[in-house]
């Protein structure tokens, strides 16, 4: 049971990390668009 819990925790961490990375790339894209326009 503990192993499954830690596995789910790690998955949540991975999802959160990828989400923040995605947000960062989106922000970067928006800033680049602003610089171009």
PDB file of N, CA and C in Angstrom:
ATOM      1  N   UNK A   1       0.829  -1.206   0.000  1.00  0.00           N
ATOM      2  CA  UNK A   1       0.000   0.000   0.000  1.00  0.00           C
ATOM      3  C   UNK A   1       0.861   1.253   0.000  1.00  0.00           C
ATOM      4  N   UNK A   2       1.912   1.266   0.824  1.00  0.00           N
ATOM      5  CA  UNK A   2       2.765   2.458   0.903  1.00  0.00           C
ATOM      6  C   UNK A   2       3.408   2.739  -0.447  1.00  0.00           C
ATOM      7  N   UNK A   3       3.865   1.664  -1.111  1.00  0.00           N
ATOM      8  CA  UNK A   3       4.524   1.838  -2.412  1.00  0.00           C
ATOM      9  C   UNK A   3       3.571   2.493  -3.411  1.00  0.00           C
ATOM     10  N   UNK A   4       2.327   2.044  -3.420  1.00  0.00           N
ATOM     11  CA  UNK A   4       1.338   2.602  -4.351  1.00  0.00           C
ATOM     12  C   UNK A   4       1.140   4.086  -4.036  1.00  0.00           C
ATOM     13  N   UNK A   5       1.053   4.411  -2.743  1.00  0.00           N
ATOM     14  CA  UNK A   5       0.850   5.805  -2.348  1.00  0.00           C
ATOM     15  C   UNK A   5       1.998   6.674  -2.845  1.00  0.00           C
ATOM     16  N   UNK A   6       3.226   6.215  -2.624  1.00  0.00           N
ATOM     17  CA  UNK A   6       4.387   6.997  -3.056  1.00  0.00           C
ATOM     18  C   UNK A   6       4.391   7.124  -4.575  1.00  0.00           C
ATOM     19  N   UNK A   7       3.996   6.053  -5.265  1.00  0.00           N
ATOM     20  CA  UNK A   7       3.949   6.076  -6.727  1.00  0.00           C
ATOM     21  C   UNK A   7       2.976   7.148  -7.198  1.00  0.00           C
ATOM     22  N   UNK A   8       1.791   7.185  -6.570  1.00  0.00           N
ATOM     23  CA  UNK A   8       0.788   8.192  -6.948  1.00  0.00           C
ATOM     24  C   UNK A   8       1.340   9.585  -6.655  1.00  0.00           C
ATOM     25  N   UNK A   9       2.018   9.728  -5.516  1.00  0.00           N
ATOM     26  CA  UNK A   9       2.603  11.035  -5.162  1.00  0.00           C
ATOM     27  C   UNK A   9       3.592  11.466  -6.235  1.00  0.00           C
ATOM     28  N   UNK A  10       4.466  10.541  -6.632  1.00  0.00           N
ATOM     29  CA  UNK A  10       5.458  10.858  -7.659  1.00  0.00           C
ATOM     30  C   UNK A  10       4.766  11.248  -8.959  1.00  0.00           C
ATOM     31  N   UNK A  11       3.708  10.544  -9.319  1.00  0.00           N
ATOM     32  CA  UNK A  11       2.973  10.869 -10.544  1.00  0.00           C
ATOM     33  C   UNK A  11       2.411  12.279 -10.446  1.00  0.00           C
ATOM     34  N   UNK A  12       1.827  12.625  -9.289  1.00  0.00           N
ATOM     35  CA  UNK A  12       1.296  13.972  -9.103  1.00  0.00           C
ATOM     36  C   UNK A  12       2.406  14.994  -9.279  1.00  0.00           C
ATOM     37  N   UNK A  13       3.585  14.684  -8.715  1.00  0.00           N
ATOM     38  CA  UNK A  13       4.720  15.597  -8.833  1.00  0.00           C
ATOM     39  C   UNK A  13       5.098  15.783 -10.299  1.00  0.00           C
ATOM     40  N   UNK A  14       5.182  14.685 -11.025  1.00  0.00           N
ATOM     41  CA  UNK A  14       5.531  14.751 -12.451  1.00  0.00           C
ATOM     42  C   UNK A  14       4.510  15.581 -13.206  1.00  0.00           C
ATOM     43  N   UNK A  15       3.241  15.350 -12.938  1.00  0.00           N
ATOM     44  CA  UNK A  15       2.178  16.101 -13.622  1.00  0.00           C
ATOM     45  C   UNK A  15       2.311  17.587 -13.312  1.00  0.00           C
ATOM     46  N   UNK A  16       2.541  17.906 -12.043  1.00  0.00           N
ATOM     47  CA  UNK A  16       2.672  19.306 -11.642  1.00  0.00           C
ATOM     48  C   UNK A  16       3.881  19.935 -12.338  1.00  0.00           C
ATOM     49  N   UNK A  17       5.000  19.205 -12.377  1.00  0.00           N
ATOM     50  CA  UNK A  17       6.207  19.730 -13.019  1.00  0.00           C
ATOM     51  C   UNK A  17       5.964  19.987 -14.494  1.00  0.00           C
ATOM     52  N   UNK A  18       5.361  19.031 -15.183  1.00  0.00           N
ATOM     53  CA  UNK A  18       5.092  19.196 -16.614  1.00  0.00           C
ATOM     54  C   UNK A  18       4.118  20.351 -16.830  1.00  0.00           C
ATOM     55  N   UNK A  19       3.146  20.490 -15.938  1.00  0.00           N
ATOM     56  CA  UNK A  19       2.172  21.579 -16.066  1.00  0.00           C
ATOM     57  C   UNK A  19       2.877  22.933 -15.936  1.00  0.00           C
ATOM     58  N   UNK A  20       3.761  23.062 -14.935  1.00  0.00           N
ATOM     59  CA  UNK A  20       4.475  24.328 -14.751  1.00  0.00           C
ATOM     60  C   UNK A  20       5.358  24.607 -15.965  1.00  0.00           C
ATOM     61  N   UNK A  21       6.003  23.551 -16.495  1.00  0.00           N
ATOM     62  CA  UNK A  21       6.841  23.721 -17.685  1.00  0.00           C
ATOM     63  C   UNK A  21       5.986  24.215 -18.841  1.00  0.00           C
ATOM     64  N   UNK A  22       4.803  23.625 -19.004  1.00  0.00           N
ATOM     65  CA  UNK A  22       3.895  24.012 -20.075  1.00  0.00           C
ATOM     66  C   UNK A  22       3.502  25.478 -19.912  1.00  0.00           C
ATOM     67  N   UNK A  23       3.187  25.855 -18.667  1.00  0.00           N
ATOM     68  CA  UNK A  23       2.811  27.255 -18.401  1.00  0.00           C
ATOM     69  C   UNK A  23       3.959  28.182 -18.762  1.00  0.00           C
ATOM     70  N   UNK A  24       5.173  27.804 -18.368  1.00  0.00           N
ATOM     71  CA  UNK A  24       6.344  28.636 -18.660  1.00  0.00           C
ATOM     72  C   UNK A  24       6.514  28.822 -20.158  1.00  0.00           C
ATOM     73  N   UNK A  25       6.369  27.740 -20.924  1.00  0.00           N
ATOM     74  CA  UNK A  25       6.529  27.847 -22.379  1.00  0.00           C
ATOM     75  C   UNK A  25       5.440  28.750 -22.944  1.00  0.00           C
ATOM     76  N   UNK A  26       4.216  28.617 -22.428  1.00  0.00           N
ATOM     77  CA  UNK A  26       3.122  29.476 -22.902  1.00  0.00           C
ATOM     78  C   UNK A  26       3.448  30.941 -22.622  1.00  0.00           C
ATOM     79  N   UNK A  27       3.918  31.232 -21.412  1.00  0.00           N
ATOM     80  CA  UNK A  27       4.270  32.607 -21.051  1.00  0.00           C
ATOM     81  C   UNK A  27       5.372  33.120 -21.971  1.00  0.00           C
ATOM     82  N   UNK A  28       6.382  32.287 -22.204  1.00  0.00           N
ATOM     83  CA  UNK A  28       7.482  32.686 -23.084  1.00  0.00           C
ATOM     84  C   UNK A  28       6.956  33.009 -24.470  1.00  0.00           C
ATOM     85  N   UNK A  29       6.056  32.161 -24.988  1.00  0.00           N
ATOM     86  CA  UNK A  29       5.484  32.387 -26.316  1.00  0.00           C
ATOM     87  C   UNK A  29       4.747  33.721 -26.348  1.00  0.00           C
ATOM     88  N   UNK A  30       3.964  34.006 -25.314  1.00  0.00           N
ATOM     89  CA  UNK A  30       3.218  35.262 -25.261  1.00  0.00           C
ATOM     90  C   UNK A  30       4.167  36.449 -25.248  1.00  0.00           C
ATOM     91  N   UNK A  31       5.228  36.372 -24.446  1.00  0.00           N
ATOM     92  CA  UNK A  31       6.191  37.473 -24.377  1.00  0.00           C
ATOM     93  C   UNK A  31       6.872  37.657 -25.725  1.00  0.00           C
ATOM     94  N   UNK A  32       7.197  36.548 -26.401  1.00  0.00           N
ATOM     95  CA  UNK A  32       7.835  36.640 -27.718  1.00  0.00           C
ATOM     96  C   UNK A  32       6.873  37.315 -28.697  1.00  0.00           C
ATOM     97  N   UNK A  33       5.609  36.929 -28.651  1.00  0.00           N
ATOM     98  CA  UNK A  33       4.602  37.538 -29.529  1.00  0.00           C
ATOM     99  C   UNK A  33       4.555  39.046 -29.289  1.00  0.00           C
ATOM    100  N   UNK A  34       4.571  39.435 -28.014  1.00  0.00           N
ATOM    101  CA  UNK A  34       4.516  40.860 -27.675  1.00  0.00           C
ATOM    102  C   UNK A  34       5.726  41.582 -28.247  1.00  0.00           C
ATOM    103  N   UNK A  35       6.888  40.975 -28.121  1.00  0.00           N
ATOM    104  CA  UNK A  35       8.109  41.604 -28.634  1.00  0.00           C
ATOM    105  C   UNK A  35       8.025  41.783 -30.143  1.00  0.00           C
ATOM    106  N   UNK A  36       7.449  40.793 -30.838  1.00  0.00           N
ATOM    107  CA  UNK A  36       7.358  40.874 -32.296  1.00  0.00           C
ATOM    108  C   UNK A  36       6.350  41.953 -32.691  1.00  0.00           C
ATOM    109  N   UNK A  37       5.178  41.984 -32.015  1.00  0.00           N
ATOM    110  CA  UNK A  37       4.122  42.939 -32.395  1.00  0.00           C
ATOM    111  C   UNK A  37       4.357  44.333 -31.885  1.00  0.00           C
TER     112      UNK A  37
END
